[in-house]
Amino acid sequence: MKSLLIYNSASKVIVFCLPGRDDPALLDQACNMSGRNPADHTAVAVDGKYTTSAAIEALSVTAEDQIIDRVKTTDELKAAAIAALAQYRWQIETGGYSYNNWPVHSDDRAQFKALAEVLRIQNSQRLDGDAWKFADGEFRSLTNNEFLAMYSVGVTHIEKCFACETACKVRVEAGEYTIGTIWNEEWALL
């Protein structure tokens, strides 16, 4: 089975176009792989009725966008979906979390800085009530216990991201490719 994987970097649309199968449900699944609402995007089939150039035109692919790969087998389709799932998890993991209704960074740099602050607390090097810079740019005073609680929320957020990716991967391997939908379903169970 041949497919075409189109990645539009502007809108994060991933489309798997299956020759001879311009089934709207398949196209919705392809859009959902990006974690976006398929109603917000255009997906087209590439087969005898449509051409690759029509697909590219429909997606408004520009020179800055790229066609990543031609997917030829179901295994390759699953591999592409698993890669998209990992990217989706990374976006959620590093997209931040909330503590006490304050936005907290959770990218790799922020994780290391928070861990360093925990080590300072454990070694009695952090003054109780020192300020911490939040994702909204505001500095807020946190007691050491508050900081440890915030750090715990962050660790839980990251663990939940990986647990959700694991559960979603099982579903992708079973043939479900609607990454955004299955992510939301699995996230709600954690």
N, C-alpha and C. Protein backbone atom coordinates (compact mmCIF):
# COMPACT_ATOMS: atom_id res chain seq x y z
N MET A 1 0.85 -1.17 0.00
CA MET A 1 0.00 0.00 0.00
C MET A 1 0.90 1.24 0.00
N LYS A 2 0.70 2.14 -0.94
CA LYS A 2 1.50 3.36 -1.00
C LYS A 2 0.71 4.51 -0.41
N SER A 3 1.43 5.44 0.20
CA SER A 3 0.83 6.62 0.79
C SER A 3 1.77 7.78 0.58
N LEU A 4 1.27 8.95 0.77
CA LEU A 4 2.11 10.14 0.69
C LEU A 4 2.00 10.86 2.01
N LEU A 5 3.12 11.10 2.65
CA LEU A 5 3.15 11.84 3.91
C LEU A 5 3.52 13.27 3.58
N ILE A 6 2.63 14.19 3.85
CA ILE A 6 2.90 15.60 3.61
C ILE A 6 2.93 16.30 4.95
N TYR A 7 3.97 17.07 5.18
CA TYR A 7 4.09 17.83 6.42
C TYR A 7 4.11 19.30 6.04
N ASN A 8 3.16 20.06 6.56
CA ASN A 8 3.10 21.49 6.30
C ASN A 8 3.58 22.18 7.56
N SER A 9 4.77 22.75 7.53
CA SER A 9 5.36 23.29 8.75
C SER A 9 4.58 24.46 9.33
N ALA A 10 3.84 25.18 8.52
CA ALA A 10 3.09 26.33 9.03
C ALA A 10 1.92 25.89 9.90
N SER A 11 1.22 24.83 9.50
CA SER A 11 0.02 24.44 10.24
C SER A 11 0.14 23.09 10.92
N LYS A 12 1.28 22.44 10.78
CA LYS A 12 1.54 21.13 11.39
C LYS A 12 0.56 20.07 10.92
N VAL A 13 0.12 20.16 9.66
CA VAL A 13 -0.77 19.15 9.10
C VAL A 13 0.05 17.98 8.58
N ILE A 14 -0.34 16.80 8.93
CA ILE A 14 0.26 15.60 8.38
C ILE A 14 -0.85 14.88 7.63
N VAL A 15 -0.63 14.59 6.37
CA VAL A 15 -1.65 13.95 5.56
C VAL A 15 -1.10 12.65 4.99
N PHE A 16 -1.80 11.57 5.21
CA PHE A 16 -1.47 10.29 4.58
C PHE A 16 -2.51 10.07 3.50
N CYS A 17 -2.08 10.09 2.27
CA CYS A 17 -2.98 9.94 1.15
C CYS A 17 -2.83 8.54 0.58
N LEU A 18 -3.87 7.79 0.66
CA LEU A 18 -3.81 6.40 0.25
C LEU A 18 -4.39 6.25 -1.15
N PRO A 19 -3.62 5.74 -2.10
CA PRO A 19 -4.12 5.61 -3.47
C PRO A 19 -5.40 4.79 -3.51
N GLY A 20 -6.37 5.35 -4.21
CA GLY A 20 -7.65 4.66 -4.39
C GLY A 20 -8.55 4.69 -3.18
N ARG A 21 -8.13 5.37 -2.13
CA ARG A 21 -8.95 5.39 -0.90
C ARG A 21 -9.05 6.82 -0.40
N ASP A 22 -9.87 7.62 -1.04
CA ASP A 22 -10.05 9.00 -0.60
C ASP A 22 -11.20 9.06 0.40
N ASP A 23 -11.21 8.11 1.32
CA ASP A 23 -12.20 8.01 2.38
C ASP A 23 -12.04 9.19 3.32
N PRO A 24 -13.11 10.00 3.54
CA PRO A 24 -12.99 11.16 4.44
C PRO A 24 -12.51 10.79 5.84
N ALA A 25 -12.88 9.61 6.32
CA ALA A 25 -12.45 9.21 7.67
C ALA A 25 -10.93 9.07 7.73
N LEU A 26 -10.34 8.52 6.67
CA LEU A 26 -8.88 8.38 6.63
C LEU A 26 -8.22 9.75 6.61
N LEU A 27 -8.82 10.66 5.86
CA LEU A 27 -8.23 11.99 5.77
C LEU A 27 -8.37 12.73 7.11
N ASP A 28 -9.50 12.53 7.80
CA ASP A 28 -9.66 13.12 9.13
C ASP A 28 -8.61 12.56 10.08
N GLN A 29 -8.37 11.25 10.00
CA GLN A 29 -7.34 10.65 10.85
C GLN A 29 -5.98 11.26 10.56
N ALA A 30 -5.71 11.48 9.29
CA ALA A 30 -4.43 12.08 8.93
C ALA A 30 -4.27 13.45 9.55
N CYS A 31 -5.31 14.28 9.47
CA CYS A 31 -5.24 15.61 10.08
C CYS A 31 -5.11 15.51 11.59
N ASN A 32 -5.82 14.58 12.19
CA ASN A 32 -5.79 14.43 13.64
C ASN A 32 -4.41 14.04 14.15
N MET A 33 -3.58 13.44 13.29
CA MET A 33 -2.23 13.07 13.73
C MET A 33 -1.46 14.29 14.20
N SER A 34 -1.82 15.45 13.70
CA SER A 34 -1.13 16.66 14.13
C SER A 34 -1.68 17.19 15.43
N GLY A 35 -2.72 16.52 15.97
CA GLY A 35 -3.33 16.99 17.20
C GLY A 35 -4.22 18.19 16.98
N ARG A 36 -4.60 18.44 15.75
CA ARG A 36 -5.42 19.60 15.41
C ARG A 36 -6.79 19.14 14.95
N ASN A 37 -7.72 20.05 14.94
CA ASN A 37 -9.06 19.78 14.48
C ASN A 37 -9.04 19.65 12.96
N PRO A 38 -9.51 18.51 12.42
CA PRO A 38 -9.47 18.35 10.97
C PRO A 38 -10.32 19.39 10.23
N ALA A 39 -11.31 19.95 10.90
CA ALA A 39 -12.13 20.97 10.26
C ALA A 39 -11.33 22.23 9.96
N ASP A 40 -10.20 22.40 10.65
CA ASP A 40 -9.37 23.58 10.46
C ASP A 40 -8.35 23.41 9.32
N HIS A 41 -8.27 22.23 8.74
CA HIS A 41 -7.24 21.96 7.75
C HIS A 41 -7.82 21.28 6.52
N THR A 42 -7.02 21.25 5.49
CA THR A 42 -7.42 20.59 4.25
C THR A 42 -6.60 19.33 4.09
N ALA A 43 -7.29 18.24 3.82
CA ALA A 43 -6.60 16.99 3.52
C ALA A 43 -7.12 16.50 2.18
N VAL A 44 -6.25 16.00 1.33
CA VAL A 44 -6.66 15.52 0.02
C VAL A 44 -6.06 14.16 -0.25
N ALA A 45 -6.76 13.40 -1.06
CA ALA A 45 -6.25 12.09 -1.46
C ALA A 45 -5.38 12.24 -2.69
N VAL A 46 -4.35 11.44 -2.76
CA VAL A 46 -3.50 11.44 -3.94
C VAL A 46 -3.67 10.07 -4.58
N ASP A 47 -4.41 10.04 -5.66
CA ASP A 47 -4.57 8.79 -6.40
C ASP A 47 -4.91 9.17 -7.83
N GLY A 48 -5.66 8.33 -8.53
CA GLY A 48 -6.00 8.63 -9.89
C GLY A 48 -6.82 9.90 -10.05
N LYS A 49 -7.57 10.30 -9.01
CA LYS A 49 -8.41 11.49 -9.09
C LYS A 49 -7.63 12.76 -8.80
N TYR A 50 -6.62 12.66 -7.96
CA TYR A 50 -5.87 13.84 -7.54
C TYR A 50 -4.39 13.63 -7.82
N THR A 51 -3.69 14.70 -8.00
CA THR A 51 -2.25 14.60 -8.23
C THR A 51 -1.51 15.11 -7.02
N THR A 52 -0.25 14.79 -6.95
CA THR A 52 0.58 15.28 -5.86
C THR A 52 0.59 16.81 -5.85
N SER A 53 0.68 17.39 -7.04
CA SER A 53 0.70 18.86 -7.08
C SER A 53 -0.61 19.44 -6.57
N ALA A 54 -1.74 18.75 -6.80
CA ALA A 54 -3.02 19.23 -6.27
C ALA A 54 -3.01 19.16 -4.75
N ALA A 55 -2.42 18.10 -4.21
CA ALA A 55 -2.34 17.97 -2.75
C ALA A 55 -1.49 19.09 -2.17
N ILE A 56 -0.37 19.35 -2.80
CA ILE A 56 0.52 20.40 -2.32
C ILE A 56 -0.17 21.76 -2.42
N GLU A 57 -0.84 21.99 -3.53
CA GLU A 57 -1.56 23.27 -3.70
C GLU A 57 -2.66 23.41 -2.66
N ALA A 58 -3.41 22.34 -2.40
CA ALA A 58 -4.51 22.40 -1.44
C ALA A 58 -4.00 22.70 -0.04
N LEU A 59 -2.79 22.24 0.27
CA LEU A 59 -2.23 22.48 1.59
C LEU A 59 -1.43 23.77 1.66
N SER A 60 -1.33 24.48 0.56
CA SER A 60 -0.56 25.73 0.50
C SER A 60 0.88 25.50 0.92
N VAL A 61 1.45 24.42 0.48
CA VAL A 61 2.84 24.11 0.80
C VAL A 61 3.73 25.08 0.03
N THR A 62 4.64 25.70 0.73
CA THR A 62 5.56 26.65 0.12
C THR A 62 6.96 26.04 0.06
N ALA A 63 7.88 26.79 -0.47
CA ALA A 63 9.26 26.30 -0.56
C ALA A 63 9.83 26.04 0.82
N GLU A 64 9.35 26.76 1.85
CA GLU A 64 9.85 26.57 3.21
C GLU A 64 9.30 25.28 3.82
N ASP A 65 8.16 24.82 3.32
CA ASP A 65 7.57 23.58 3.82
C ASP A 65 8.25 22.41 3.10
N GLN A 66 7.94 21.23 3.54
CA GLN A 66 8.63 20.11 2.93
C GLN A 66 7.77 18.87 2.87
N ILE A 67 8.01 18.09 1.85
CA ILE A 67 7.46 16.75 1.80
C ILE A 67 8.54 15.87 2.41
N ILE A 68 8.20 15.22 3.49
CA ILE A 68 9.20 14.47 4.23
C ILE A 68 9.51 13.13 3.57
N ASP A 69 8.49 12.38 3.21
CA ASP A 69 8.76 11.00 2.84
C ASP A 69 7.57 10.44 2.07
N ARG A 70 7.84 9.43 1.31
CA ARG A 70 6.77 8.63 0.73
C ARG A 70 6.67 7.37 1.57
N VAL A 71 5.49 7.14 2.11
CA VAL A 71 5.27 5.99 2.99
C VAL A 71 4.74 4.86 2.13
N LYS A 72 5.36 3.69 2.22
CA LYS A 72 5.01 2.62 1.31
C LYS A 72 4.29 1.45 1.98
N THR A 73 4.44 1.28 3.26
CA THR A 73 3.82 0.13 3.91
C THR A 73 3.10 0.58 5.18
N THR A 74 2.27 -0.31 5.68
CA THR A 74 1.58 -0.05 6.94
C THR A 74 2.58 0.12 8.07
N ASP A 75 3.65 -0.68 8.04
CA ASP A 75 4.68 -0.55 9.08
C ASP A 75 5.32 0.83 9.06
N GLU A 76 5.57 1.34 7.86
CA GLU A 76 6.15 2.69 7.75
C GLU A 76 5.14 3.74 8.19
N LEU A 77 3.87 3.51 7.90
CA LEU A 77 2.82 4.42 8.36
C LEU A 77 2.79 4.45 9.88
N LYS A 78 2.87 3.28 10.50
CA LYS A 78 2.90 3.21 11.96
C LYS A 78 4.14 3.90 12.52
N ALA A 79 5.28 3.67 11.87
CA ALA A 79 6.52 4.31 12.33
C ALA A 79 6.40 5.83 12.25
N ALA A 80 5.80 6.33 11.18
CA ALA A 80 5.60 7.77 11.05
C ALA A 80 4.66 8.29 12.13
N ALA A 81 3.62 7.51 12.42
CA ALA A 81 2.67 7.91 13.47
C ALA A 81 3.34 7.90 14.84
N ILE A 82 4.18 6.93 15.09
CA ILE A 82 4.90 6.87 16.37
C ILE A 82 5.86 8.05 16.50
N ALA A 83 6.50 8.42 15.41
CA ALA A 83 7.38 9.59 15.43
C ALA A 83 6.57 10.86 15.69
N ALA A 84 5.40 10.96 15.06
CA ALA A 84 4.52 12.11 15.30
C ALA A 84 4.06 12.13 16.74
N LEU A 85 3.78 10.96 17.31
CA LEU A 85 3.37 10.86 18.70
C LEU A 85 4.48 11.34 19.63
N ALA A 86 5.71 10.94 19.37
CA ALA A 86 6.84 11.37 20.20
C ALA A 86 6.99 12.89 20.14
N GLN A 87 6.83 13.45 18.96
CA GLN A 87 6.91 14.91 18.81
C GLN A 87 5.78 15.59 19.58
N TYR A 88 4.60 15.02 19.52
CA TYR A 88 3.44 15.57 20.23
C TYR A 88 3.69 15.54 21.74
N ARG A 89 4.22 14.39 22.24
CA ARG A 89 4.53 14.28 23.67
C ARG A 89 5.55 15.34 24.08
N TRP A 90 6.58 15.51 23.26
CA TRP A 90 7.62 16.49 23.57
C TRP A 90 7.01 17.90 23.66
N GLN A 91 6.10 18.23 22.75
CA GLN A 91 5.46 19.55 22.78
C GLN A 91 4.67 19.75 24.07
N ILE A 92 3.95 18.72 24.50
CA ILE A 92 3.18 18.82 25.74
C ILE A 92 4.14 18.87 26.94
N GLU A 93 5.13 18.00 26.94
CA GLU A 93 6.10 17.94 28.04
C GLU A 93 6.80 19.29 28.25
N THR A 94 7.26 19.89 27.17
CA THR A 94 8.04 21.12 27.28
C THR A 94 7.19 22.38 27.16
N GLY A 95 5.89 22.21 27.03
CA GLY A 95 4.99 23.36 26.87
C GLY A 95 4.61 24.03 28.17
N GLY A 96 5.08 23.52 29.29
CA GLY A 96 4.82 24.14 30.58
C GLY A 96 3.67 23.49 31.33
N TYR A 97 3.54 23.91 32.58
CA TYR A 97 2.47 23.44 33.44
C TYR A 97 2.10 24.58 34.38
N SER A 98 1.14 24.34 35.22
CA SER A 98 0.68 25.39 36.13
C SER A 98 0.89 24.97 37.58
N TYR A 99 1.36 25.90 38.36
CA TYR A 99 1.46 25.70 39.82
C TYR A 99 0.83 26.91 40.48
N ASN A 100 -0.15 26.68 41.31
CA ASN A 100 -0.82 27.77 42.02
C ASN A 100 -1.37 28.81 41.03
N ASN A 101 -1.82 28.32 39.87
CA ASN A 101 -2.32 29.15 38.77
C ASN A 101 -1.24 30.05 38.16
N TRP A 102 0.01 29.72 38.36
CA TRP A 102 1.12 30.44 37.76
C TRP A 102 1.74 29.54 36.68
N PRO A 103 2.06 30.09 35.52
CA PRO A 103 2.66 29.27 34.46
C PRO A 103 4.14 28.98 34.75
N VAL A 104 4.52 27.72 34.59
CA VAL A 104 5.88 27.29 34.87
C VAL A 104 6.48 26.69 33.59
N HIS A 105 7.70 27.12 33.26
CA HIS A 105 8.40 26.52 32.11
C HIS A 105 8.70 25.06 32.41
N SER A 106 8.69 24.23 31.36
CA SER A 106 9.07 22.82 31.56
C SER A 106 9.98 22.31 30.44
N ASP A 107 10.64 23.23 29.74
CA ASP A 107 11.60 22.79 28.73
C ASP A 107 12.82 22.19 29.45
N ASP A 108 13.74 21.61 28.68
CA ASP A 108 14.89 20.94 29.29
C ASP A 108 15.69 21.87 30.20
N ARG A 109 15.92 23.08 29.75
CA ARG A 109 16.69 24.05 30.55
C ARG A 109 15.99 24.33 31.88
N ALA A 110 14.69 24.53 31.83
CA ALA A 110 13.93 24.82 33.05
C ALA A 110 13.95 23.62 34.00
N GLN A 111 13.90 22.41 33.43
CA GLN A 111 13.95 21.21 34.27
C GLN A 111 15.28 21.13 35.02
N PHE A 112 16.37 21.42 34.33
CA PHE A 112 17.69 21.38 34.98
C PHE A 112 17.82 22.47 36.04
N LYS A 113 17.31 23.66 35.73
CA LYS A 113 17.39 24.75 36.70
C LYS A 113 16.58 24.42 37.95
N ALA A 114 15.40 23.83 37.77
CA ALA A 114 14.57 23.47 38.92
C ALA A 114 15.25 22.38 39.75
N LEU A 115 15.86 21.41 39.09
CA LEU A 115 16.58 20.36 39.81
C LEU A 115 17.74 20.96 40.61
N ALA A 116 18.45 21.91 40.01
CA ALA A 116 19.55 22.57 40.72
C ALA A 116 19.03 23.30 41.96
N GLU A 117 17.87 23.90 41.84
CA GLU A 117 17.28 24.60 42.99
C GLU A 117 16.89 23.61 44.08
N VAL A 118 16.39 22.43 43.69
CA VAL A 118 16.07 21.39 44.68
C VAL A 118 17.35 20.96 45.39
N LEU A 119 18.43 20.81 44.66
CA LEU A 119 19.71 20.44 45.29
C LEU A 119 20.17 21.53 46.25
N ARG A 120 19.96 22.79 45.89
CA ARG A 120 20.30 23.89 46.80
C ARG A 120 19.48 23.80 48.09
N ILE A 121 18.20 23.46 47.96
CA ILE A 121 17.34 23.31 49.14
C ILE A 121 17.87 22.17 50.01
N GLN A 122 18.18 21.04 49.38
CA GLN A 122 18.66 19.87 50.12
C GLN A 122 19.98 20.14 50.83
N ASN A 123 20.79 21.05 50.28
CA ASN A 123 22.08 21.39 50.88
C ASN A 123 22.03 22.67 51.70
N SER A 124 20.82 23.12 52.02
CA SER A 124 20.61 24.34 52.83
C SER A 124 21.31 25.55 52.22
N GLN A 125 21.31 25.65 50.90
CA GLN A 125 21.94 26.78 50.22
C GLN A 125 20.91 27.78 49.69
N ARG A 126 19.66 27.40 49.67
CA ARG A 126 18.62 28.31 49.17
C ARG A 126 17.94 28.97 50.35
N LEU A 127 17.84 30.28 50.27
CA LEU A 127 17.13 31.00 51.32
C LEU A 127 15.63 30.77 51.17
N ASP A 128 14.99 30.48 52.27
CA ASP A 128 13.54 30.27 52.26
C ASP A 128 12.88 31.57 51.80
N GLY A 129 12.09 31.49 50.73
CA GLY A 129 11.41 32.68 50.21
C GLY A 129 12.12 33.34 49.05
N ASP A 130 13.21 32.72 48.55
CA ASP A 130 13.86 33.26 47.35
C ASP A 130 12.87 33.34 46.20
N ALA A 131 13.13 34.25 45.28
CA ALA A 131 12.25 34.43 44.13
C ALA A 131 12.57 33.41 43.04
N TRP A 132 11.54 33.07 42.27
CA TRP A 132 11.67 32.19 41.11
C TRP A 132 10.96 32.86 39.94
N LYS A 133 11.59 32.84 38.79
CA LYS A 133 10.99 33.46 37.61
C LYS A 133 10.06 32.47 36.92
N PHE A 134 8.81 32.88 36.74
CA PHE A 134 7.79 32.04 36.12
C PHE A 134 7.70 32.32 34.62
N ALA A 135 6.95 31.48 33.93
CA ALA A 135 6.84 31.55 32.47
C ALA A 135 6.20 32.85 31.99
N ASP A 136 5.48 33.54 32.85
CA ASP A 136 4.88 34.83 32.46
C ASP A 136 5.84 35.99 32.67
N GLY A 137 7.09 35.67 33.07
CA GLY A 137 8.11 36.70 33.26
C GLY A 137 8.12 37.31 34.65
N GLU A 138 7.19 36.91 35.48
CA GLU A 138 7.09 37.46 36.84
C GLU A 138 7.97 36.66 37.81
N PHE A 139 8.62 37.38 38.72
CA PHE A 139 9.35 36.76 39.82
C PHE A 139 8.42 36.67 41.01
N ARG A 140 8.36 35.48 41.62
CA ARG A 140 7.50 35.28 42.78
C ARG A 140 8.31 34.61 43.88
N SER A 141 8.09 35.07 45.07
CA SER A 141 8.75 34.50 46.23
C SER A 141 8.12 33.16 46.57
N LEU A 142 8.96 32.14 46.75
CA LEU A 142 8.48 30.81 47.12
C LEU A 142 9.27 30.31 48.32
N THR A 143 8.55 29.79 49.30
CA THR A 143 9.26 29.13 50.39
C THR A 143 9.89 27.86 49.82
N ASN A 144 10.81 27.29 50.56
CA ASN A 144 11.43 26.06 50.09
C ASN A 144 10.39 24.95 49.94
N ASN A 145 9.44 24.86 50.86
CA ASN A 145 8.38 23.86 50.74
C ASN A 145 7.51 24.11 49.53
N GLU A 146 7.22 25.38 49.24
CA GLU A 146 6.43 25.71 48.04
C GLU A 146 7.20 25.34 46.78
N PHE A 147 8.52 25.61 46.80
CA PHE A 147 9.32 25.27 45.62
C PHE A 147 9.32 23.76 45.40
N LEU A 148 9.50 22.99 46.47
CA LEU A 148 9.49 21.54 46.34
C LEU A 148 8.14 21.03 45.84
N ALA A 149 7.06 21.67 46.28
CA ALA A 149 5.72 21.29 45.80
C ALA A 149 5.60 21.61 44.31
N MET A 150 6.10 22.78 43.89
CA MET A 150 6.05 23.14 42.47
C MET A 150 6.88 22.15 41.64
N TYR A 151 8.05 21.81 42.14
CA TYR A 151 8.91 20.86 41.44
C TYR A 151 8.21 19.51 41.31
N SER A 152 7.54 19.08 42.36
CA SER A 152 6.81 17.82 42.34
C SER A 152 5.70 17.82 41.27
N VAL A 153 5.02 18.95 41.14
CA VAL A 153 3.98 19.08 40.10
C VAL A 153 4.63 18.94 38.73
N GLY A 154 5.79 19.54 38.54
CA GLY A 154 6.50 19.45 37.27
C GLY A 154 6.94 18.04 36.95
N VAL A 155 7.48 17.34 37.93
CA VAL A 155 7.91 15.96 37.72
C VAL A 155 6.70 15.09 37.37
N THR A 156 5.59 15.31 38.06
CA THR A 156 4.37 14.56 37.77
C THR A 156 3.89 14.85 36.35
N HIS A 157 3.96 16.11 35.94
CA HIS A 157 3.56 16.49 34.58
C HIS A 157 4.40 15.72 33.55
N ILE A 158 5.70 15.67 33.74
CA ILE A 158 6.59 15.00 32.80
C ILE A 158 6.35 13.49 32.80
N GLU A 159 6.20 12.91 33.98
CA GLU A 159 5.92 11.47 34.06
C GLU A 159 4.61 11.14 33.36
N LYS A 160 3.61 12.01 33.52
CA LYS A 160 2.31 11.79 32.89
C LYS A 160 2.44 11.85 31.36
N CYS A 161 3.28 12.75 30.86
CA CYS A 161 3.51 12.85 29.42
C CYS A 161 4.06 11.54 28.86
N PHE A 162 5.05 10.96 29.53
CA PHE A 162 5.64 9.72 29.04
C PHE A 162 4.69 8.54 29.22
N ALA A 163 3.92 8.52 30.30
CA ALA A 163 2.93 7.46 30.49
C ALA A 163 1.86 7.53 29.40
N CYS A 164 1.46 8.74 29.05
CA CYS A 164 0.45 8.92 28.01
C CYS A 164 1.00 8.49 26.66
N GLU A 165 2.25 8.86 26.38
CA GLU A 165 2.87 8.44 25.11
C GLU A 165 2.92 6.92 25.02
N THR A 166 3.25 6.26 26.12
CA THR A 166 3.32 4.80 26.14
C THR A 166 1.97 4.19 25.82
N ALA A 167 0.91 4.69 26.46
CA ALA A 167 -0.44 4.17 26.23
C ALA A 167 -0.89 4.45 24.79
N CYS A 168 -0.57 5.63 24.29
CA CYS A 168 -0.95 5.98 22.91
C CYS A 168 -0.20 5.13 21.90
N LYS A 169 1.06 4.81 22.18
CA LYS A 169 1.87 4.01 21.26
C LYS A 169 1.24 2.63 21.07
N VAL A 170 0.70 2.07 22.14
CA VAL A 170 0.02 0.77 22.03
C VAL A 170 -1.15 0.88 21.05
N ARG A 171 -1.88 1.98 21.15
CA ARG A 171 -3.03 2.18 20.26
C ARG A 171 -2.59 2.44 18.83
N VAL A 172 -1.50 3.17 18.64
CA VAL A 172 -0.98 3.39 17.28
C VAL A 172 -0.55 2.07 16.68
N GLU A 173 0.13 1.25 17.45
CA GLU A 173 0.58 -0.05 16.95
C GLU A 173 -0.60 -0.96 16.60
N ALA A 174 -1.76 -0.69 17.20
CA ALA A 174 -2.98 -1.45 16.88
C ALA A 174 -3.73 -0.85 15.69
N GLY A 175 -3.18 0.25 15.11
CA GLY A 175 -3.78 0.80 13.91
C GLY A 175 -4.55 2.09 14.08
N GLU A 176 -4.51 2.70 15.25
CA GLU A 176 -5.17 3.99 15.46
C GLU A 176 -4.15 5.10 15.21
N TYR A 177 -4.49 6.04 14.34
CA TYR A 177 -3.55 7.08 13.97
C TYR A 177 -4.02 8.48 14.33
N THR A 178 -5.08 8.61 15.08
CA THR A 178 -5.60 9.93 15.45
C THR A 178 -4.91 10.38 16.73
N ILE A 179 -3.70 10.87 16.60
CA ILE A 179 -2.83 11.17 17.74
C ILE A 179 -3.51 12.12 18.73
N GLY A 180 -4.05 13.22 18.25
CA GLY A 180 -4.69 14.18 19.15
C GLY A 180 -5.84 13.58 19.93
N THR A 181 -6.65 12.77 19.26
CA THR A 181 -7.81 12.16 19.91
C THR A 181 -7.38 11.14 20.94
N ILE A 182 -6.50 10.21 20.55
CA ILE A 182 -6.11 9.18 21.51
C ILE A 182 -5.30 9.77 22.65
N TRP A 183 -4.53 10.84 22.38
CA TRP A 183 -3.79 11.50 23.45
C TRP A 183 -4.77 12.04 24.50
N ASN A 184 -5.79 12.74 24.05
CA ASN A 184 -6.76 13.33 24.99
C ASN A 184 -7.49 12.25 25.78
N GLU A 185 -7.82 11.15 25.12
CA GLU A 185 -8.50 10.04 25.82
C GLU A 185 -7.60 9.42 26.87
N GLU A 186 -6.36 9.15 26.52
CA GLU A 186 -5.43 8.53 27.47
C GLU A 186 -5.04 9.49 28.58
N TRP A 187 -4.86 10.77 28.25
CA TRP A 187 -4.49 11.79 29.25
C TRP A 187 -5.57 11.85 30.34
N ALA A 188 -6.83 11.77 29.91
CA ALA A 188 -7.94 11.86 30.87
C ALA A 188 -7.96 10.66 31.83
N LEU A 189 -7.36 9.55 31.42
CA LEU A 189 -7.34 8.35 32.26
C LEU A 189 -6.21 8.38 33.30
N LEU A 190 -5.24 9.24 33.09
CA LEU A 190 -4.07 9.28 33.99
C LEU A 190 -4.32 10.17 35.19
